[in-house]
Amino acid sequence: MEMPAGKPYHFSFTQDEANVFQKMKMTFQYRQDLVHDPQRTTDVLKTFPRFLDVKGLLNQDFLLLFGVETASEMLEKWDTTFRSKVINEAKHPTQSTELC
């Protein structure tokens, strides 16, 4: 799905989570373009605020990006391997111009 240049994509608010998941799946490639564009990467949550209130959307993107097998491995190792590392990184971010 191609989005208008320079305009954030906001689909109408819906309580129906199945519709939210479907719309987010449809806009996955656009989000990937945002994430990989250094000028717009920080706009992802502004453009797609449903990541903040609909549980499971991040998992869906992870599945779309890496596939079922890799996603399952990550979830299996989350508590024992990744959780503490992610929390530690969040508490001590590396200084960079992107974080300012």
C-alpha atoms as a PDB file:
ATOM      1  CA  MET A   1       0.000   0.000   0.000  1.00  0.00           C
ATOM      2  CA  GLU A   2       1.499   3.303  -1.041  1.00  0.00           C
ATOM      3  CA  MET A   3       1.095   6.247   1.298  1.00  0.00           C
ATOM      4  CA  PRO A   4       0.979   9.926   0.315  1.00  0.00           C
ATOM      5  CA  ALA A   5       4.428  11.508   0.541  1.00  0.00           C
ATOM      6  CA  GLY A   6       4.943  13.698   3.572  1.00  0.00           C
ATOM      7  CA  LYS A   7       1.591  12.874   5.150  1.00  0.00           C
ATOM      8  CA  PRO A   8       1.192  10.656   8.201  1.00  0.00           C
ATOM      9  CA  TYR A   9      -1.066   7.667   7.717  1.00  0.00           C
ATOM     10  CA  HIS A  10      -3.788   7.556  10.350  1.00  0.00           C
ATOM     11  CA  PHE A  11      -6.568   5.088   9.822  1.00  0.00           C
ATOM     12  CA  SER A  12      -9.801   5.830  11.572  1.00  0.00           C
ATOM     13  CA  PHE A  13      -9.949   4.789  15.204  1.00  0.00           C
ATOM     14  CA  THR A  14     -11.638   1.472  15.744  1.00  0.00           C
ATOM     15  CA  GLN A  15     -12.270  -0.672  18.776  1.00  0.00           C
ATOM     16  CA  ASP A  16     -12.318  -3.767  16.587  1.00  0.00           C
ATOM     17  CA  GLU A  17      -8.815  -5.144  17.143  1.00  0.00           C
ATOM     18  CA  ALA A  18      -9.105  -7.541  14.201  1.00  0.00           C
ATOM     19  CA  ASN A  19      -9.477  -4.533  11.905  1.00  0.00           C
ATOM     20  CA  VAL A  20      -6.556  -2.788  13.573  1.00  0.00           C
ATOM     21  CA  PHE A  21      -4.355  -5.851  13.078  1.00  0.00           C
ATOM     22  CA  GLN A  22      -5.421  -6.155   9.430  1.00  0.00           C
ATOM     23  CA  LYS A  23      -4.781  -2.478   8.701  1.00  0.00           C
ATOM     24  CA  MET A  24      -1.408  -2.632  10.424  1.00  0.00           C
ATOM     25  CA  LYS A  25      -0.530  -5.692   8.357  1.00  0.00           C
ATOM     26  CA  MET A  26      -1.486  -3.806   5.201  1.00  0.00           C
ATOM     27  CA  THR A  27       0.791  -0.885   6.139  1.00  0.00           C
ATOM     28  CA  PHE A  28       3.762  -3.021   7.239  1.00  0.00           C
ATOM     29  CA  GLN A  29       5.984  -2.112   4.264  1.00  0.00           C
ATOM     30  CA  TYR A  30       5.277   1.585   4.696  1.00  0.00           C
ATOM     31  CA  ARG A  31       6.317   1.291   8.358  1.00  0.00           C
ATOM     32  CA  GLN A  32       9.503  -0.490   7.340  1.00  0.00           C
ATOM     33  CA  ASP A  33      10.260   2.399   4.988  1.00  0.00           C
ATOM     34  CA  LEU A  34       9.750   4.823   7.894  1.00  0.00           C
ATOM     35  CA  VAL A  35      11.970   2.798  10.219  1.00  0.00           C
ATOM     36  CA  HIS A  36      14.801   2.694   7.699  1.00  0.00           C
ATOM     37  CA  ASP A  37      14.592   6.372   6.717  1.00  0.00           C
ATOM     38  CA  PRO A  38      16.892   8.323   9.087  1.00  0.00           C
ATOM     39  CA  GLN A  39      14.821  11.482   8.543  1.00  0.00           C
ATOM     40  CA  ARG A  40      11.530   9.807   9.528  1.00  0.00           C
ATOM     41  CA  THR A  41      12.354   6.872  11.819  1.00  0.00           C
ATOM     42  CA  THR A  42      11.256   8.758  14.923  1.00  0.00           C
ATOM     43  CA  ASP A  43       7.793   9.319  13.394  1.00  0.00           C
ATOM     44  CA  VAL A  44       6.682   5.680  13.560  1.00  0.00           C
ATOM     45  CA  LEU A  45       4.765   5.968  16.843  1.00  0.00           C
ATOM     46  CA  LYS A  46       3.343   9.357  15.882  1.00  0.00           C
ATOM     47  CA  THR A  47       2.136   7.948  12.577  1.00  0.00           C
ATOM     48  CA  PHE A  48       0.954   4.631  14.023  1.00  0.00           C
ATOM     49  CA  PRO A  49      -0.092   5.387  17.623  1.00  0.00           C
ATOM     50  CA  ARG A  50      -2.034   2.121  17.930  1.00  0.00           C
ATOM     51  CA  PHE A  51       1.273   0.419  18.822  1.00  0.00           C
ATOM     52  CA  LEU A  52       0.894   2.163  22.157  1.00  0.00           C
ATOM     53  CA  ASP A  53      -2.540   0.787  23.037  1.00  0.00           C
ATOM     54  CA  VAL A  54      -3.127  -2.468  21.131  1.00  0.00           C
ATOM     55  CA  LYS A  55      -1.242  -5.394  22.593  1.00  0.00           C
ATOM     56  CA  GLY A  56       0.317  -7.718  20.023  1.00  0.00           C
ATOM     57  CA  LEU A  57       0.958  -5.286  17.159  1.00  0.00           C
ATOM     58  CA  LEU A  58       4.702  -5.329  17.697  1.00  0.00           C
ATOM     59  CA  ASN A  59       4.644  -9.131  17.695  1.00  0.00           C
ATOM     60  CA  GLN A  60       2.762  -9.072  14.402  1.00  0.00           C
ATOM     61  CA  ASP A  61       5.387  -6.828  12.801  1.00  0.00           C
ATOM     62  CA  PHE A  62       8.144  -9.056  14.184  1.00  0.00           C
ATOM     63  CA  LEU A  63       6.433 -12.093  12.626  1.00  0.00           C
ATOM     64  CA  LEU A  64       6.075 -10.319   9.291  1.00  0.00           C
ATOM     65  CA  LEU A  65       9.709  -9.262   9.356  1.00  0.00           C
ATOM     66  CA  PHE A  66      11.391 -12.460  10.555  1.00  0.00           C
ATOM     67  CA  GLY A  67       8.896 -15.302  10.132  1.00  0.00           C
ATOM     68  CA  VAL A  68       7.302 -17.716  12.588  1.00  0.00           C
ATOM     69  CA  GLU A  69      10.396 -19.727  13.513  1.00  0.00           C
ATOM     70  CA  THR A  70      12.577 -16.748  14.423  1.00  0.00           C
ATOM     71  CA  ALA A  71       9.709 -15.031  16.253  1.00  0.00           C
ATOM     72  CA  SER A  72       9.055 -18.172  18.299  1.00  0.00           C
ATOM     73  CA  GLU A  73      12.733 -18.452  19.246  1.00  0.00           C
ATOM     74  CA  MET A  74      12.804 -14.830  20.344  1.00  0.00           C
ATOM     75  CA  LEU A  75       9.736 -15.290  22.556  1.00  0.00           C
ATOM     76  CA  GLU A  76      11.201 -18.460  24.084  1.00  0.00           C
ATOM     77  CA  LYS A  77      14.437 -16.671  24.953  1.00  0.00           C
ATOM     78  CA  TRP A  78      12.909 -13.328  25.955  1.00  0.00           C
ATOM     79  CA  ASP A  79      12.841 -13.798  29.753  1.00  0.00           C
ATOM     80  CA  THR A  80      16.123 -15.688  30.059  1.00  0.00           C
ATOM     81  CA  THR A  81      18.275 -13.915  27.493  1.00  0.00           C
ATOM     82  CA  PHE A  82      16.904 -10.695  26.032  1.00  0.00           C
ATOM     83  CA  ARG A  83      14.743  -9.075  28.688  1.00  0.00           C
ATOM     84  CA  SER A  84      17.523  -7.933  31.017  1.00  0.00           C
ATOM     85  CA  LYS A  85      19.695  -6.811  28.093  1.00  0.00           C
ATOM     86  CA  VAL A  86      16.907  -4.690  26.580  1.00  0.00           C
ATOM     87  CA  ILE A  87      16.089  -3.119  29.949  1.00  0.00           C
ATOM     88  CA  ASN A  88      19.783  -2.388  30.567  1.00  0.00           C
ATOM     89  CA  GLU A  89      20.153  -0.785  27.133  1.00  0.00           C
ATOM     90  CA  ALA A  90      17.057   1.337  27.738  1.00  0.00           C
ATOM     91  CA  LYS A  91      18.484   2.562  31.056  1.00  0.00           C
ATOM     92  CA  HIS A  92      21.871   3.412  29.519  1.00  0.00           C
ATOM     93  CA  PRO A  93      21.309   4.590  25.939  1.00  0.00           C
ATOM     94  CA  THR A  94      24.269   5.324  23.745  1.00  0.00           C
ATOM     95  CA  GLN A  95      24.645   8.995  22.953  1.00  0.00           C
ATOM     96  CA  SER A  96      24.039   9.803  19.313  1.00  0.00           C
ATOM     97  CA  THR A  97      22.621  12.617  17.229  1.00  0.00           C
ATOM     98  CA  GLU A  98      19.512  10.485  16.556  1.00  0.00           C
ATOM     99  CA  LEU A  99      18.660  10.451  20.278  1.00  0.00           C
ATOM    100  CA  CYS A 100      18.890  14.202  20.742  1.00  0.00           C
END
